[in-house]
Amino acid sequence: MSKAAVIRYETKPEAAEENQRLVEEVFAALDKARPEGLRYTTLRLEDGVTFVHVVLTEGDADPLPELPEFQAFAQGIGERIVSPPVRGGAQVIGSYRFLSE
């Protein structure tokens, strides 16, 4: 069974570049580890401070929290953001070349 989540938050302006750098490190680690059952994308909106993460997992396991790079990203997020992230479940209705390689 697949699960989808959308996480949205706003960083402090002075922390947006650092947040992006940490996100990029997570993606570099994912490229190396290539965990099964995970589809993940992050968008930085045009305001420069809002980030949206879309996570799709198959089964019960979520490999993201196991990555040291994700742990480093998550560890300091409270210092980089304006208010707590808003996380919500989601259902994929359709996708055109967005979630496949």
N, C-alpha and C. Protein backbone atom coordinates (compact mmCIF):
# COMPACT_ATOMS: atom_id res chain seq x y z
N MET A 1 0.84 -1.18 0.00
CA MET A 1 0.00 0.00 0.00
C MET A 1 0.89 1.25 0.00
N SER A 2 0.62 2.16 -0.91
CA SER A 2 1.45 3.37 -0.97
C SER A 2 0.82 4.47 -0.12
N LYS A 3 1.72 5.30 0.43
CA LYS A 3 1.31 6.44 1.24
C LYS A 3 1.94 7.68 0.64
N ALA A 4 1.18 8.77 0.68
CA ALA A 4 1.70 10.04 0.16
C ALA A 4 1.55 11.10 1.23
N ALA A 5 2.51 11.99 1.28
CA ALA A 5 2.46 13.12 2.22
C ALA A 5 3.03 14.35 1.54
N VAL A 6 2.46 15.48 1.90
CA VAL A 6 2.95 16.77 1.42
C VAL A 6 3.30 17.60 2.64
N ILE A 7 4.53 18.10 2.68
CA ILE A 7 5.01 18.90 3.80
C ILE A 7 5.38 20.27 3.25
N ARG A 8 4.85 21.29 3.90
CA ARG A 8 5.10 22.67 3.44
C ARG A 8 5.53 23.51 4.63
N TYR A 9 6.54 24.35 4.41
CA TYR A 9 7.00 25.25 5.47
C TYR A 9 7.70 26.44 4.85
N GLU A 10 7.84 27.47 5.65
CA GLU A 10 8.51 28.70 5.24
C GLU A 10 9.76 28.87 6.10
N THR A 11 10.88 29.10 5.44
CA THR A 11 12.13 29.34 6.17
C THR A 11 12.29 30.83 6.43
N LYS A 12 13.14 31.14 7.38
CA LYS A 12 13.56 32.53 7.56
C LYS A 12 14.38 32.89 6.31
N PRO A 13 14.27 34.13 5.84
CA PRO A 13 15.00 34.49 4.61
C PRO A 13 16.49 34.18 4.67
N GLU A 14 17.10 34.43 5.82
CA GLU A 14 18.54 34.18 5.94
C GLU A 14 18.89 32.70 6.02
N ALA A 15 17.90 31.83 6.16
CA ALA A 15 18.14 30.39 6.29
C ALA A 15 17.75 29.60 5.04
N ALA A 16 17.19 30.26 4.05
CA ALA A 16 16.68 29.54 2.87
C ALA A 16 17.78 28.83 2.09
N GLU A 17 18.92 29.48 1.90
CA GLU A 17 20.02 28.85 1.16
C GLU A 17 20.57 27.64 1.91
N GLU A 18 20.72 27.77 3.22
CA GLU A 18 21.19 26.65 4.04
C GLU A 18 20.20 25.49 3.97
N ASN A 19 18.92 25.79 4.02
CA ASN A 19 17.90 24.75 3.93
C ASN A 19 18.01 24.03 2.59
N GLN A 20 18.16 24.79 1.52
CA GLN A 20 18.30 24.17 0.21
C GLN A 20 19.54 23.30 0.14
N ARG A 21 20.63 23.77 0.69
CA ARG A 21 21.87 22.98 0.69
C ARG A 21 21.66 21.65 1.40
N LEU A 22 21.00 21.68 2.55
CA LEU A 22 20.74 20.46 3.30
C LEU A 22 19.81 19.51 2.54
N VAL A 23 18.81 20.06 1.88
CA VAL A 23 17.92 19.24 1.06
C VAL A 23 18.71 18.59 -0.08
N GLU A 24 19.57 19.35 -0.71
CA GLU A 24 20.39 18.80 -1.80
C GLU A 24 21.28 17.67 -1.30
N GLU A 25 21.78 17.77 -0.08
CA GLU A 25 22.58 16.69 0.49
C GLU A 25 21.74 15.43 0.70
N VAL A 26 20.49 15.60 1.07
CA VAL A 26 19.59 14.45 1.21
C VAL A 26 19.42 13.77 -0.15
N PHE A 27 19.21 14.56 -1.20
CA PHE A 27 19.04 13.97 -2.52
C PHE A 27 20.32 13.29 -3.02
N ALA A 28 21.46 13.84 -2.71
CA ALA A 28 22.72 13.20 -3.08
C ALA A 28 22.86 11.85 -2.38
N ALA A 29 22.47 11.80 -1.12
CA ALA A 29 22.52 10.54 -0.37
C ALA A 29 21.52 9.53 -0.94
N LEU A 30 20.35 10.01 -1.33
CA LEU A 30 19.35 9.12 -1.93
C LEU A 30 19.85 8.56 -3.26
N ASP A 31 20.55 9.39 -4.03
CA ASP A 31 21.10 8.91 -5.30
C ASP A 31 22.09 7.78 -5.08
N LYS A 32 22.83 7.83 -3.98
CA LYS A 32 23.79 6.77 -3.67
C LYS A 32 23.10 5.55 -3.09
N ALA A 33 22.19 5.75 -2.15
CA ALA A 33 21.55 4.64 -1.44
C ALA A 33 20.47 3.97 -2.30
N ARG A 34 19.77 4.73 -3.11
CA ARG A 34 18.69 4.24 -3.98
C ARG A 34 17.72 3.32 -3.24
N PRO A 35 17.12 3.81 -2.17
CA PRO A 35 16.20 2.95 -1.41
C PRO A 35 14.96 2.59 -2.23
N GLU A 36 14.53 1.37 -2.06
CA GLU A 36 13.33 0.88 -2.74
C GLU A 36 12.08 1.47 -2.08
N GLY A 37 11.04 1.61 -2.85
CA GLY A 37 9.75 2.00 -2.31
C GLY A 37 9.61 3.46 -1.92
N LEU A 38 10.49 4.33 -2.44
CA LEU A 38 10.44 5.74 -2.09
C LEU A 38 10.46 6.59 -3.35
N ARG A 39 9.57 7.54 -3.39
CA ARG A 39 9.59 8.60 -4.40
C ARG A 39 9.49 9.90 -3.62
N TYR A 40 10.35 10.85 -3.99
CA TYR A 40 10.48 12.05 -3.15
C TYR A 40 10.90 13.21 -4.02
N THR A 41 10.26 14.33 -3.84
CA THR A 41 10.67 15.54 -4.54
C THR A 41 10.51 16.73 -3.60
N THR A 42 11.33 17.74 -3.82
CA THR A 42 11.24 18.97 -3.04
C THR A 42 11.21 20.14 -4.00
N LEU A 43 10.32 21.08 -3.73
CA LEU A 43 10.20 22.28 -4.53
C LEU A 43 10.48 23.50 -3.65
N ARG A 44 11.17 24.46 -4.22
CA ARG A 44 11.35 25.76 -3.57
C ARG A 44 10.51 26.74 -4.35
N LEU A 45 9.53 27.34 -3.71
CA LEU A 45 8.60 28.20 -4.41
C LEU A 45 9.25 29.54 -4.78
N GLU A 46 8.59 30.26 -5.67
CA GLU A 46 9.19 31.48 -6.22
C GLU A 46 9.41 32.58 -5.19
N ASP A 47 8.77 32.49 -4.03
CA ASP A 47 9.03 33.49 -2.99
C ASP A 47 10.41 33.30 -2.37
N GLY A 48 11.05 32.16 -2.66
CA GLY A 48 12.40 31.89 -2.20
C GLY A 48 12.52 31.34 -0.80
N VAL A 49 11.43 31.34 -0.05
CA VAL A 49 11.50 30.89 1.35
C VAL A 49 10.53 29.74 1.66
N THR A 50 9.64 29.43 0.75
CA THR A 50 8.68 28.35 0.98
C THR A 50 9.15 27.10 0.27
N PHE A 51 9.16 25.99 1.02
CA PHE A 51 9.57 24.69 0.50
C PHE A 51 8.40 23.72 0.61
N VAL A 52 8.26 22.88 -0.41
CA VAL A 52 7.24 21.85 -0.41
C VAL A 52 7.92 20.52 -0.72
N HIS A 53 7.71 19.56 0.16
CA HIS A 53 8.25 18.21 -0.03
C HIS A 53 7.07 17.28 -0.32
N VAL A 54 7.23 16.42 -1.32
CA VAL A 54 6.22 15.41 -1.63
C VAL A 54 6.90 14.05 -1.48
N VAL A 55 6.33 13.23 -0.60
CA VAL A 55 6.92 11.93 -0.28
C VAL A 55 5.91 10.84 -0.57
N LEU A 56 6.32 9.85 -1.35
CA LEU A 56 5.49 8.68 -1.59
C LEU A 56 6.28 7.45 -1.18
N THR A 57 5.68 6.64 -0.34
CA THR A 57 6.34 5.43 0.12
C THR A 57 5.45 4.23 -0.14
N GLU A 58 6.08 3.12 -0.45
CA GLU A 58 5.39 1.85 -0.62
C GLU A 58 5.58 1.04 0.65
N GLY A 59 4.53 0.45 1.15
CA GLY A 59 4.64 -0.35 2.37
C GLY A 59 4.70 0.52 3.60
N ASP A 60 5.13 -0.08 4.69
CA ASP A 60 5.15 0.62 5.96
C ASP A 60 6.46 1.36 6.23
N ALA A 61 7.51 0.99 5.56
CA ALA A 61 8.83 1.58 5.85
C ALA A 61 9.01 2.91 5.14
N ASP A 62 9.61 3.86 5.84
CA ASP A 62 10.01 5.14 5.26
C ASP A 62 11.52 5.24 5.44
N PRO A 63 12.29 5.08 4.36
CA PRO A 63 13.75 5.08 4.49
C PRO A 63 14.37 6.45 4.76
N LEU A 64 13.64 7.52 4.58
CA LEU A 64 14.22 8.86 4.78
C LEU A 64 14.81 9.07 6.17
N PRO A 65 14.09 8.79 7.24
CA PRO A 65 14.64 9.06 8.58
C PRO A 65 15.92 8.29 8.91
N GLU A 66 16.19 7.24 8.15
CA GLU A 66 17.40 6.44 8.40
C GLU A 66 18.66 7.08 7.84
N LEU A 67 18.51 7.98 6.87
CA LEU A 67 19.67 8.61 6.24
C LEU A 67 20.31 9.64 7.17
N PRO A 68 21.61 9.57 7.40
CA PRO A 68 22.28 10.58 8.22
C PRO A 68 22.08 12.00 7.68
N GLU A 69 22.02 12.15 6.37
CA GLU A 69 21.82 13.47 5.76
C GLU A 69 20.42 14.01 6.06
N PHE A 70 19.43 13.12 6.09
CA PHE A 70 18.09 13.56 6.44
C PHE A 70 18.03 13.92 7.93
N GLN A 71 18.72 13.16 8.75
CA GLN A 71 18.77 13.47 10.18
C GLN A 71 19.41 14.84 10.40
N ALA A 72 20.47 15.15 9.64
CA ALA A 72 21.11 16.46 9.75
C ALA A 72 20.15 17.57 9.30
N PHE A 73 19.41 17.32 8.23
CA PHE A 73 18.41 18.27 7.76
C PHE A 73 17.34 18.51 8.83
N ALA A 74 16.83 17.45 9.39
CA ALA A 74 15.73 17.54 10.35
C ALA A 74 16.18 18.12 11.69
N GLN A 75 17.41 17.85 12.08
CA GLN A 75 17.90 18.26 13.39
C GLN A 75 17.80 19.76 13.62
N GLY A 76 18.13 20.57 12.66
CA GLY A 76 18.15 22.01 12.87
C GLY A 76 17.00 22.75 12.21
N ILE A 77 15.98 22.03 11.77
CA ILE A 77 14.92 22.70 11.02
C ILE A 77 14.20 23.75 11.84
N GLY A 78 14.05 23.52 13.13
CA GLY A 78 13.35 24.49 13.98
C GLY A 78 14.01 25.85 14.00
N GLU A 79 15.31 25.88 13.80
CA GLU A 79 16.04 27.14 13.78
C GLU A 79 15.94 27.85 12.42
N ARG A 80 15.58 27.09 11.38
CA ARG A 80 15.55 27.66 10.03
C ARG A 80 14.16 28.12 9.60
N ILE A 81 13.12 27.68 10.29
CA ILE A 81 11.77 27.95 9.80
C ILE A 81 11.05 29.02 10.62
N VAL A 82 10.03 29.61 10.01
CA VAL A 82 9.23 30.65 10.63
C VAL A 82 8.19 30.05 11.57
N SER A 83 7.55 28.96 11.13
CA SER A 83 6.54 28.27 11.93
C SER A 83 6.63 26.78 11.63
N PRO A 84 6.01 25.94 12.46
CA PRO A 84 6.13 24.49 12.24
C PRO A 84 5.66 24.06 10.86
N PRO A 85 6.31 23.04 10.30
CA PRO A 85 5.87 22.52 9.00
C PRO A 85 4.43 22.01 9.07
N VAL A 86 3.73 22.16 7.98
CA VAL A 86 2.37 21.62 7.86
C VAL A 86 2.49 20.35 7.02
N ARG A 87 2.11 19.24 7.62
CA ARG A 87 2.18 17.94 6.93
C ARG A 87 0.78 17.41 6.77
N GLY A 88 0.48 16.94 5.59
CA GLY A 88 -0.83 16.36 5.34
C GLY A 88 -0.71 15.16 4.43
N GLY A 89 -1.60 14.23 4.63
CA GLY A 89 -1.67 13.09 3.73
C GLY A 89 -2.20 13.55 2.38
N ALA A 90 -1.96 12.75 1.38
CA ALA A 90 -2.39 13.10 0.03
C ALA A 90 -2.67 11.83 -0.74
N GLN A 91 -3.41 11.98 -1.81
CA GLN A 91 -3.70 10.87 -2.71
C GLN A 91 -3.27 11.29 -4.11
N VAL A 92 -2.47 10.46 -4.75
CA VAL A 92 -2.05 10.75 -6.12
C VAL A 92 -3.23 10.46 -7.03
N ILE A 93 -3.65 11.47 -7.76
CA ILE A 93 -4.76 11.32 -8.69
C ILE A 93 -4.24 11.07 -10.10
N GLY A 94 -3.16 11.70 -10.42
CA GLY A 94 -2.55 11.53 -11.73
C GLY A 94 -1.15 12.10 -11.72
N SER A 95 -0.35 11.64 -12.64
CA SER A 95 1.02 12.11 -12.74
C SER A 95 1.49 11.93 -14.18
N TYR A 96 2.12 12.92 -14.71
CA TYR A 96 2.71 12.80 -16.04
C TYR A 96 4.21 12.99 -15.91
N ARG A 97 4.96 11.89 -15.99
CA ARG A 97 6.41 11.89 -15.96
C ARG A 97 6.99 12.60 -14.74
N PHE A 98 6.22 12.74 -13.69
CA PHE A 98 6.67 13.44 -12.50
C PHE A 98 7.24 12.48 -11.47
N LEU A 99 6.65 11.34 -11.36
CA LEU A 99 7.04 10.40 -10.33
C LEU A 99 7.79 9.18 -10.87
N SER A 100 8.14 9.19 -12.12
CA SER A 100 8.88 8.05 -12.68
C SER A 100 10.18 8.54 -13.28
N GLU A 101 11.12 7.64 -13.35
CA GLU A 101 12.44 7.99 -13.89
C GLU A 101 12.46 7.83 -15.38
